[in-house]
Amino acid sequence: MTAKAQNATTVEINLKSTNSNFDTYITDRASSAVPM
């Protein structure tokens, strides 16, 4: 939220969404999604 308030793009990478207001959600294991 602090980052978004300054117009930063926000991304969540997690096994399942936290239902937060990120700009982009990537739902997968970190070991797969982070390198990609």
PDB file of all heavy atoms in Angstrom:
ATOM      1  N   MET A   1       0.825  -1.201   0.000  1.00  0.00           N
ATOM      2  CA  MET A   1       0.000   0.000   0.000  1.00  0.00           C
ATOM      3  C   MET A   1       0.868   1.264   0.000  1.00  0.00           C
ATOM      4  O   MET A   1       0.554   2.244  -0.674  1.00  0.00           O
ATOM      5  CB  MET A   1      -0.927  -0.001   1.209  1.00  0.00           C
ATOM      6  CG  MET A   1      -1.959  -1.118   1.190  1.00  0.00           C
ATOM      7  SD  MET A   1      -3.171  -0.896  -0.146  1.00  0.00           S
ATOM      8  CE  MET A   1      -4.068   0.539   0.462  1.00  0.00           C
ATOM      9  N   THR A   2       1.955   1.222   0.758  1.00  0.00           N
ATOM     10  CA  THR A   2       2.890   2.354   0.766  1.00  0.00           C
ATOM     11  C   THR A   2       3.477   2.563  -0.613  1.00  0.00           C
ATOM     12  O   THR A   2       3.586   3.694  -1.098  1.00  0.00           O
ATOM     13  CB  THR A   2       4.014   2.113   1.784  1.00  0.00           C
ATOM     14  OG1 THR A   2       3.451   1.912   3.081  1.00  0.00           O
ATOM     15  CG2 THR A   2       4.970   3.285   1.836  1.00  0.00           C
ATOM     16  N   ALA A   3       3.862   1.459  -1.259  1.00  0.00           N
ATOM     17  CA  ALA A   3       4.431   1.557  -2.605  1.00  0.00           C
ATOM     18  C   ALA A   3       3.390   2.051  -3.609  1.00  0.00           C
ATOM     19  O   ALA A   3       3.670   2.912  -4.450  1.00  0.00           O
ATOM     20  CB  ALA A   3       4.991   0.201  -3.033  1.00  0.00           C
ATOM     21  N   LYS A   4       2.164   1.541  -3.530  1.00  0.00           N
ATOM     22  CA  LYS A   4       1.101   1.946  -4.448  1.00  0.00           C
ATOM     23  C   LYS A   4       0.776   3.433  -4.300  1.00  0.00           C
ATOM     24  O   LYS A   4       0.454   4.113  -5.285  1.00  0.00           O
ATOM     25  CB  LYS A   4      -0.165   1.124  -4.198  1.00  0.00           C
ATOM     26  CG  LYS A   4      -0.138  -0.262  -4.801  1.00  0.00           C
ATOM     27  CD  LYS A   4      -1.381  -1.050  -4.447  1.00  0.00           C
ATOM     28  CE  LYS A   4      -2.604  -0.533  -5.186  1.00  0.00           C
ATOM     29  NZ  LYS A   4      -2.593  -0.926  -6.611  1.00  0.00           N
ATOM     30  N   ALA A   5       0.878   3.937  -3.075  1.00  0.00           N
ATOM     31  CA  ALA A   5       0.577   5.351  -2.841  1.00  0.00           C
ATOM     32  C   ALA A   5       1.544   6.258  -3.586  1.00  0.00           C
ATOM     33  O   ALA A   5       1.229   7.423  -3.858  1.00  0.00           O
ATOM     34  CB  ALA A   5       0.608   5.654  -1.350  1.00  0.00           C
ATOM     35  N   GLN A   6       2.711   5.723  -3.926  1.00  0.00           N
ATOM     36  CA  GLN A   6       3.709   6.482  -4.684  1.00  0.00           C
ATOM     37  C   GLN A   6       3.729   6.061  -6.153  1.00  0.00           C
ATOM     38  O   GLN A   6       4.705   6.286  -6.865  1.00  0.00           O
ATOM     39  CB  GLN A   6       5.098   6.285  -4.055  1.00  0.00           C
ATOM     40  CG  GLN A   6       5.171   6.651  -2.587  1.00  0.00           C
ATOM     41  CD  GLN A   6       4.846   8.100  -2.335  1.00  0.00           C
ATOM     42  OE1 GLN A   6       5.242   8.975  -3.106  1.00  0.00           O
ATOM     43  NE2 GLN A   6       4.126   8.386  -1.234  1.00  0.00           N
ATOM     44  N   ASN A   7       2.648   5.398  -6.596  1.00  0.00           N
ATOM     45  CA  ASN A   7       2.458   4.995  -7.996  1.00  0.00           C
ATOM     46  C   ASN A   7       3.390   3.873  -8.444  1.00  0.00           C
ATOM     47  O   ASN A   7       3.646   3.718  -9.649  1.00  0.00           O
ATOM     48  CB  ASN A   7       2.612   6.210  -8.932  1.00  0.00           C
ATOM     49  CG  ASN A   7       1.550   7.255  -8.681  1.00  0.00           C
ATOM     50  OD1 ASN A   7       0.368   6.943  -8.523  1.00  0.00           O
ATOM     51  ND2 ASN A   7       1.962   8.523  -8.623  1.00  0.00           N
ATOM     52  N   ALA A   8       3.884   3.092  -7.506  1.00  0.00           N
ATOM     53  CA  ALA A   8       4.679   1.923  -7.883  1.00  0.00           C
ATOM     54  C   ALA A   8       3.756   0.805  -8.359  1.00  0.00           C
ATOM     55  O   ALA A   8       2.613   0.688  -7.918  1.00  0.00           O
ATOM     56  CB  ALA A   8       5.510   1.443  -6.701  1.00  0.00           C
ATOM     57  N   THR A   9       4.251  -0.024  -9.261  1.00  0.00           N
ATOM     58  CA  THR A   9       3.543  -1.234  -9.655  1.00  0.00           C
ATOM     59  C   THR A   9       3.775  -2.294  -8.589  1.00  0.00           C
ATOM     60  O   THR A   9       4.887  -2.436  -8.077  1.00  0.00           O
ATOM     61  CB  THR A   9       4.062  -1.738 -11.010  1.00  0.00           C
ATOM     62  OG1 THR A   9       3.848  -0.730 -11.996  1.00  0.00           O
ATOM     63  CG2 THR A   9       3.350  -3.011 -11.429  1.00  0.00           C
ATOM     64  N   THR A  10       2.726  -3.033  -8.243  1.00  0.00           N
ATOM     65  CA  THR A  10       2.845  -4.026  -7.182  1.00  0.00           C
ATOM     66  C   THR A  10       2.495  -5.406  -7.708  1.00  0.00           C
ATOM     67  O   THR A  10       1.539  -5.580  -8.464  1.00  0.00           O
ATOM     68  CB  THR A  10       1.928  -3.674  -5.998  1.00  0.00           C
ATOM     69  OG1 THR A  10       0.567  -3.574  -6.443  1.00  0.00           O
ATOM     70  CG2 THR A  10       2.345  -2.345  -5.374  1.00  0.00           C
ATOM     71  N   VAL A  11       3.278  -6.403  -7.286  1.00  0.00           N
ATOM     72  CA  VAL A  11       3.117  -7.781  -7.760  1.00  0.00           C
ATOM     73  C   VAL A  11       3.139  -8.718  -6.562  1.00  0.00           C
ATOM     74  O   VAL A  11       3.994  -8.593  -5.676  1.00  0.00           O
ATOM     75  CB  VAL A  11       4.251  -8.170  -8.735  1.00  0.00           C
ATOM     76  CG1 VAL A  11       4.097  -9.621  -9.194  1.00  0.00           C
ATOM     77  CG2 VAL A  11       4.289  -7.223  -9.929  1.00  0.00           C
ATOM     78  N   GLU A  12       2.215  -9.649  -6.546  1.00  0.00           N
ATOM     79  CA  GLU A  12       2.194 -10.688  -5.517  1.00  0.00           C
ATOM     80  C   GLU A  12       2.476 -12.038  -6.158  1.00  0.00           C
ATOM     81  O   GLU A  12       1.821 -12.429  -7.124  1.00  0.00           O
ATOM     82  CB  GLU A  12       0.837 -10.739  -4.821  1.00  0.00           C
ATOM     83  CG  GLU A  12       0.747 -11.832  -3.755  1.00  0.00           C
ATOM     84  CD  GLU A  12      -0.630 -11.897  -3.117  1.00  0.00           C
ATOM     85  OE1 GLU A  12      -1.566 -12.410  -3.777  1.00  0.00           O
ATOM     86  OE2 GLU A  12      -0.774 -11.430  -1.974  1.00  0.00           O
ATOM     87  N   ILE A  13       3.465 -12.764  -5.619  1.00  0.00           N
ATOM     88  CA  ILE A  13       3.778 -14.122  -6.047  1.00  0.00           C
ATOM     89  C   ILE A  13       3.555 -15.024  -4.851  1.00  0.00           C
ATOM     90  O   ILE A  13       4.254 -14.924  -3.838  1.00  0.00           O
ATOM     91  CB  ILE A  13       5.229 -14.242  -6.551  1.00  0.00           C
ATOM     92  CG1 ILE A  13       5.475 -13.303  -7.740  1.00  0.00           C
ATOM     93  CG2 ILE A  13       5.547 -15.688  -6.934  1.00  0.00           C
ATOM     94  CD1 ILE A  13       6.913 -13.290  -8.228  1.00  0.00           C
ATOM     95  N   ASN A  14       2.570 -15.911  -4.951  1.00  0.00           N
ATOM     96  CA  ASN A  14       2.199 -16.722  -3.802  1.00  0.00           C
ATOM     97  C   ASN A  14       1.468 -17.978  -4.283  1.00  0.00           C
ATOM     98  O   ASN A  14       0.957 -18.022  -5.396  1.00  0.00           O
ATOM     99  CB  ASN A  14       1.279 -15.923  -2.869  1.00  0.00           C
ATOM    100  CG  ASN A  14       1.455 -16.309  -1.413  1.00  0.00           C
ATOM    101  OD1 ASN A  14       2.201 -17.228  -1.078  1.00  0.00           O
ATOM    102  ND2 ASN A  14       0.747 -15.615  -0.531  1.00  0.00           N
ATOM    103  N   LEU A  15       1.418 -18.979  -3.412  1.00  0.00           N
ATOM    104  CA  LEU A  15       0.682 -20.194  -3.754  1.00  0.00           C
ATOM    105  C   LEU A  15      -0.802 -19.902  -3.957  1.00  0.00           C
ATOM    106  O   LEU A  15      -1.456 -20.508  -4.796  1.00  0.00           O
ATOM    107  CB  LEU A  15       0.857 -21.243  -2.659  1.00  0.00           C
ATOM    108  CG  LEU A  15       2.076 -22.156  -2.779  1.00  0.00           C
ATOM    109  CD1 LEU A  15       2.166 -23.064  -1.555  1.00  0.00           C
ATOM    110  CD2 LEU A  15       2.041 -22.974  -4.050  1.00  0.00           C
ATOM    111  N   LYS A  16      -1.314 -18.974  -3.157  1.00  0.00           N
ATOM    112  CA  LYS A  16      -2.697 -18.536  -3.343  1.00  0.00           C
ATOM    113  C   LYS A  16      -2.783 -17.060  -3.000  1.00  0.00           C
ATOM    114  O   LYS A  16      -2.009 -16.539  -2.194  1.00  0.00           O
ATOM    115  CB  LYS A  16      -3.656 -19.349  -2.485  1.00  0.00           C
ATOM    116  CG  LYS A  16      -3.317 -19.416  -1.024  1.00  0.00           C
ATOM    117  CD  LYS A  16      -4.274 -20.355  -0.310  1.00  0.00           C
ATOM    118  CE  LYS A  16      -3.920 -20.503   1.168  1.00  0.00           C
ATOM    119  NZ  LYS A  16      -4.828 -21.441   1.864  1.00  0.00           N
ATOM    120  N   SER A  17      -3.726 -16.384  -3.620  1.00  0.00           N
ATOM    121  CA  SER A  17      -3.859 -14.945  -3.440  1.00  0.00           C
ATOM    122  C   SER A  17      -4.202 -14.619  -1.990  1.00  0.00           C
ATOM    123  O   SER A  17      -4.945 -15.336  -1.322  1.00  0.00           O
ATOM    124  CB  SER A  17      -4.945 -14.401  -4.365  1.00  0.00           C
ATOM    125  OG  SER A  17      -5.206 -13.038  -4.063  1.00  0.00           O
ATOM    126  N   THR A  18      -3.661 -13.500  -1.508  1.00  0.00           N
ATOM    127  CA  THR A  18      -4.006 -13.014  -0.175  1.00  0.00           C
ATOM    128  C   THR A  18      -5.222 -12.092  -0.227  1.00  0.00           C
ATOM    129  O   THR A  18      -5.608 -11.529   0.791  1.00  0.00           O
ATOM    130  CB  THR A  18      -2.829 -12.233   0.432  1.00  0.00           C
ATOM    131  OG1 THR A  18      -2.509 -11.114  -0.414  1.00  0.00           O
ATOM    132  CG2 THR A  18      -1.603 -13.131   0.579  1.00  0.00           C
ATOM    133  N   ASN A  19      -5.788 -11.943  -1.429  1.00  0.00           N
ATOM    134  CA  ASN A  19      -6.952 -11.064  -1.634  1.00  0.00           C
ATOM    135  C   ASN A  19      -6.637  -9.611  -1.335  1.00  0.00           C
ATOM    136  O   ASN A  19      -7.515  -8.833  -0.972  1.00  0.00           O
ATOM    137  CB  ASN A  19      -8.145 -11.530  -0.788  1.00  0.00           C
ATOM    138  CG  ASN A  19      -8.645 -12.897  -1.186  1.00  0.00           C
ATOM    139  OD1 ASN A  19      -8.790 -13.191  -2.367  1.00  0.00           O
ATOM    140  ND2 ASN A  19      -8.887 -13.758  -0.201  1.00  0.00           N
ATOM    141  N   SER A  20      -5.378  -9.257  -1.505  1.00  0.00           N
ATOM    142  CA  SER A  20      -4.966  -7.864  -1.377  1.00  0.00           C
ATOM    143  C   SER A  20      -5.070  -7.181  -2.736  1.00  0.00           C
ATOM    144  O   SER A  20      -5.231  -7.836  -3.764  1.00  0.00           O
ATOM    145  CB  SER A  20      -3.538  -7.781  -0.848  1.00  0.00           C
ATOM    146  OG  SER A  20      -3.424  -8.432   0.411  1.00  0.00           O
ATOM    147  N   ASN A  21      -4.936  -5.886  -2.744  1.00  0.00           N
ATOM    148  CA  ASN A  21      -5.170  -5.115  -3.962  1.00  0.00           C
ATOM    149  C   ASN A  21      -3.869  -4.873  -4.741  1.00  0.00           C
ATOM    150  O   ASN A  21      -3.520  -3.748  -5.077  1.00  0.00           O
ATOM    151  CB  ASN A  21      -5.834  -3.779  -3.606  1.00  0.00           C
ATOM    152  CG  ASN A  21      -6.345  -3.044  -4.826  1.00  0.00           C
ATOM    153  OD1 ASN A  21      -6.688  -3.662  -5.828  1.00  0.00           O
ATOM    154  ND2 ASN A  21      -6.381  -1.725  -4.744  1.00  0.00           N
ATOM    155  N   PHE A  22      -3.134  -5.951  -5.026  1.00  0.00           N
ATOM    156  CA  PHE A  22      -1.947  -5.845  -5.867  1.00  0.00           C
ATOM    157  C   PHE A  22      -2.373  -5.603  -7.314  1.00  0.00           C
ATOM    158  O   PHE A  22      -3.477  -5.970  -7.716  1.00  0.00           O
ATOM    159  CB  PHE A  22      -1.114  -7.121  -5.787  1.00  0.00           C
ATOM    160  CG  PHE A  22      -0.315  -7.279  -4.526  1.00  0.00           C
ATOM    161  CD1 PHE A  22      -0.897  -7.782  -3.372  1.00  0.00           C
ATOM    162  CD2 PHE A  22       1.021  -6.923  -4.489  1.00  0.00           C
ATOM    163  CE1 PHE A  22      -0.169  -7.937  -2.208  1.00  0.00           C
ATOM    164  CE2 PHE A  22       1.769  -7.070  -3.335  1.00  0.00           C
ATOM    165  CZ  PHE A  22       1.174  -7.577  -2.191  1.00  0.00           C
ATOM    166  N   ASP A  23      -1.474  -5.017  -8.093  1.00  0.00           N
ATOM    167  CA  ASP A  23      -1.759  -4.811  -9.513  1.00  0.00           C
ATOM    168  C   ASP A  23      -1.735  -6.126 -10.281  1.00  0.00           C
ATOM    169  O   ASP A  23      -2.513  -6.332 -11.208  1.00  0.00           O
ATOM    170  CB  ASP A  23      -0.745  -3.847 -10.126  1.00  0.00           C
ATOM    171  CG  ASP A  23      -0.820  -2.464  -9.510  1.00  0.00           C
ATOM    172  OD1 ASP A  23      -1.935  -1.906  -9.452  1.00  0.00           O
ATOM    173  OD2 ASP A  23       0.228  -1.937  -9.075  1.00  0.00           O
ATOM    174  N   THR A  24      -0.813  -7.013  -9.899  1.00  0.00           N
ATOM    175  CA  THR A  24      -0.654  -8.283 -10.598  1.00  0.00           C
ATOM    176  C   THR A  24      -0.505  -9.406  -9.580  1.00  0.00           C
ATOM    177  O   THR A  24       0.202  -9.260  -8.585  1.00  0.00           O
ATOM    178  CB  THR A  24       0.586  -8.247 -11.521  1.00  0.00           C
ATOM    179  OG1 THR A  24       0.393  -7.277 -12.534  1.00  0.00           O
ATOM    180  CG2 THR A  24       0.815  -9.606 -12.183  1.00  0.00           C
ATOM    181  N   TYR A  25      -1.192 -10.519  -9.846  1.00  0.00           N
ATOM    182  CA  TYR A  25      -1.085 -11.702  -9.002  1.00  0.00           C
ATOM    183  C   TYR A  25      -0.489 -12.844  -9.819  1.00  0.00           C
ATOM    184  O   TYR A  25      -0.919 -13.086 -10.947  1.00  0.00           O
ATOM    185  CB  TYR A  25      -2.460 -12.139  -8.486  1.00  0.00           C
ATOM    186  CG  TYR A  25      -3.240 -11.055  -7.797  1.00  0.00           C
ATOM    187  CD1 TYR A  25      -4.098 -10.231  -8.521  1.00  0.00           C
ATOM    188  CD2 TYR A  25      -3.124 -10.857  -6.436  1.00  0.00           C
ATOM    189  CE1 TYR A  25      -4.822  -9.233  -7.899  1.00  0.00           C
ATOM    190  CE2 TYR A  25      -3.854  -9.865  -5.799  1.00  0.00           C
ATOM    191  CZ  TYR A  25      -4.696  -9.053  -6.540  1.00  0.00           C
ATOM    192  OH  TYR A  25      -5.406  -8.063  -5.920  1.00  0.00           O
ATOM    193  N   ILE A  26       0.493 -13.524  -9.253  1.00  0.00           N
ATOM    194  CA  ILE A  26       1.054 -14.723  -9.874  1.00  0.00           C
ATOM    195  C   ILE A  26       0.877 -15.860  -8.866  1.00  0.00           C
ATOM    196  O   ILE A  26       1.455 -15.831  -7.787  1.00  0.00           O
ATOM    197  CB  ILE A  26       2.538 -14.546 -10.236  1.00  0.00           C
ATOM    198  CG1 ILE A  26       2.714 -13.373 -11.198  1.00  0.00           C
ATOM    199  CG2 ILE A  26       3.096 -15.838 -10.838  1.00  0.00           C
ATOM    200  CD1 ILE A  26       4.148 -13.078 -11.546  1.00  0.00           C
ATOM    201  N   THR A  27       0.056 -16.819  -9.229  1.00  0.00           N
ATOM    202  CA  THR A  27      -0.275 -17.905  -8.308  1.00  0.00           C
ATOM    203  C   THR A  27       0.501 -19.150  -8.697  1.00  0.00           C
ATOM    204  O   THR A  27       0.182 -19.820  -9.676  1.00  0.00           O
ATOM    205  CB  THR A  27      -1.788 -18.190  -8.340  1.00  0.00           C
ATOM    206  OG1 THR A  27      -2.498 -16.979  -8.110  1.00  0.00           O
ATOM    207  CG2 THR A  27      -2.167 -19.204  -7.269  1.00  0.00           C
ATOM    208  N   ASP A  28       1.550 -19.436  -7.928  1.00  0.00           N
ATOM    209  CA  ASP A  28       2.402 -20.595  -8.218  1.00  0.00           C
ATOM    210  C   ASP A  28       3.417 -20.737  -7.092  1.00  0.00           C
ATOM    211  O   ASP A  28       3.543 -19.868  -6.233  1.00  0.00           O
ATOM    212  CB  ASP A  28       3.124 -20.400  -9.548  1.00  0.00           C
ATOM    213  CG  ASP A  28       3.689 -21.699 -10.115  1.00  0.00           C
ATOM    214  OD1 ASP A  28       3.493 -22.758  -9.482  1.00  0.00           O
ATOM    215  OD2 ASP A  28       4.337 -21.659 -11.168  1.00  0.00           O
ATOM    216  N   ARG A  29       4.154 -21.827  -7.114  1.00  0.00           N
ATOM    217  CA  ARG A  29       5.259 -22.009  -6.177  1.00  0.00           C
ATOM    218  C   ARG A  29       6.353 -20.978  -6.461  1.00  0.00           C
ATOM    219  O   ARG A  29       6.641 -20.674  -7.631  1.00  0.00           O
ATOM    220  CB  ARG A  29       5.836 -23.414  -6.311  1.00  0.00           C
ATOM    221  CG  ARG A  29       4.895 -24.527  -5.901  1.00  0.00           C
ATOM    222  CD  ARG A  29       5.365 -25.872  -6.417  1.00  0.00           C
ATOM    223  NE  ARG A  29       6.715 -26.196  -5.949  1.00  0.00           N
ATOM    224  CZ  ARG A  29       6.974 -26.876  -4.832  1.00  0.00           C
ATOM    225  NH1 ARG A  29       5.973 -27.297  -4.074  1.00  0.00           N
ATOM    226  NH2 ARG A  29       8.204 -27.145  -4.482  1.00  0.00           N
ATOM    227  N   ALA A  30       6.978 -20.477  -5.418  1.00  0.00           N
ATOM    228  CA  ALA A  30       8.041 -19.481  -5.593  1.00  0.00           C
ATOM    229  C   ALA A  30       9.188 -20.036  -6.423  1.00  0.00           C
ATOM    230  O   ALA A  30       9.758 -19.328  -7.270  1.00  0.00           O
ATOM    231  CB  ALA A  30       8.547 -19.020  -4.226  1.00  0.00           C
ATOM    232  N   SER A  31       9.530 -21.301  -6.216  1.00  0.00           N
ATOM    233  CA  SER A  31      10.670 -21.879  -6.932  1.00  0.00           C
ATOM    234  C   SER A  31      10.434 -21.938  -8.436  1.00  0.00           C
ATOM    235  O   SER A  31      11.382 -21.993  -9.223  1.00  0.00           O
ATOM    236  CB  SER A  31      10.966 -23.284  -6.401  1.00  0.00           C
ATOM    237  OG  SER A  31       9.831 -24.122  -6.541  1.00  0.00           O
ATOM    238  N   SER A  32       9.171 -21.917  -8.863  1.00  0.00           N
ATOM    239  CA  SER A  32       8.848 -21.897 -10.292  1.00  0.00           C
ATOM    240  C   SER A  32       8.633 -20.486 -10.800  1.00  0.00           C
ATOM    241  O   SER A  32       9.159 -20.083 -11.841  1.00  0.00           O
ATOM    242  CB  SER A  32       7.593 -22.731 -10.564  1.00  0.00           C
ATOM    243  OG  SER A  32       7.775 -24.073 -10.202  1.00  0.00           O
ATOM    244  N   ALA A  33       7.838 -19.708 -10.062  1.00  0.00           N
ATOM    245  CA  ALA A  33       7.421 -18.395 -10.548  1.00  0.00           C
ATOM    246  C   ALA A  33       8.518 -17.348 -10.460  1.00  0.00           C
ATOM    247  O   ALA A  33       8.644 -16.494 -11.345  1.00  0.00           O
ATOM    248  CB  ALA A  33       6.198 -17.925  -9.770  1.00  0.00           C
ATOM    249  N   VAL A  34       9.318 -17.366  -9.401  1.00  0.00           N
ATOM    250  CA  VAL A  34      10.322 -16.310  -9.205  1.00  0.00           C
ATOM    251  C   VAL A  34      11.391 -16.326 -10.290  1.00  0.00           C
ATOM    252  O   VAL A  34      11.691 -15.279 -10.880  1.00  0.00           O
ATOM    253  CB  VAL A  34      10.936 -16.400  -7.793  1.00  0.00           C
ATOM    254  CG1 VAL A  34      12.130 -15.453  -7.650  1.00  0.00           C
ATOM    255  CG2 VAL A  34       9.881 -16.069  -6.739  1.00  0.00           C
ATOM    256  N   PRO A  35      12.014 -17.469 -10.603  1.00  0.00           N
ATOM    257  CA  PRO A  35      12.993 -17.457 -11.698  1.00  0.00           C
ATOM    258  C   PRO A  35      12.389 -16.972 -13.014  1.00  0.00           C
ATOM    259  O   PRO A  35      13.016 -16.190 -13.741  1.00  0.00           O
ATOM    260  CB  PRO A  35      13.444 -18.919 -11.789  1.00  0.00           C
ATOM    261  CG  PRO A  35      13.205 -19.468 -10.429  1.00  0.00           C
ATOM    262  CD  PRO A  35      11.953 -18.797  -9.953  1.00  0.00           C
ATOM    263  N   MET A  36      11.187 -17.415 -13.335  1.00  0.00           N
ATOM    264  CA  MET A  36      10.553 -17.024 -14.584  1.00  0.00           C
ATOM    265  C   MET A  36      10.276 -15.521 -14.618  1.00  0.00           C
ATOM    266  O   MET A  36      10.573 -14.838 -15.603  1.00  0.00           O
ATOM    267  CB  MET A  36       9.253 -17.811 -14.779  1.00  0.00           C
ATOM    268  CG  MET A  36       8.591 -17.609 -16.129  1.00  0.00           C
ATOM    269  SD  MET A  36       7.087 -18.612 -16.298  1.00  0.00           S
ATOM    270  CE  MET A  36       7.748 -20.265 -16.078  1.00  0.00           C
TER     271      MET A  36
END
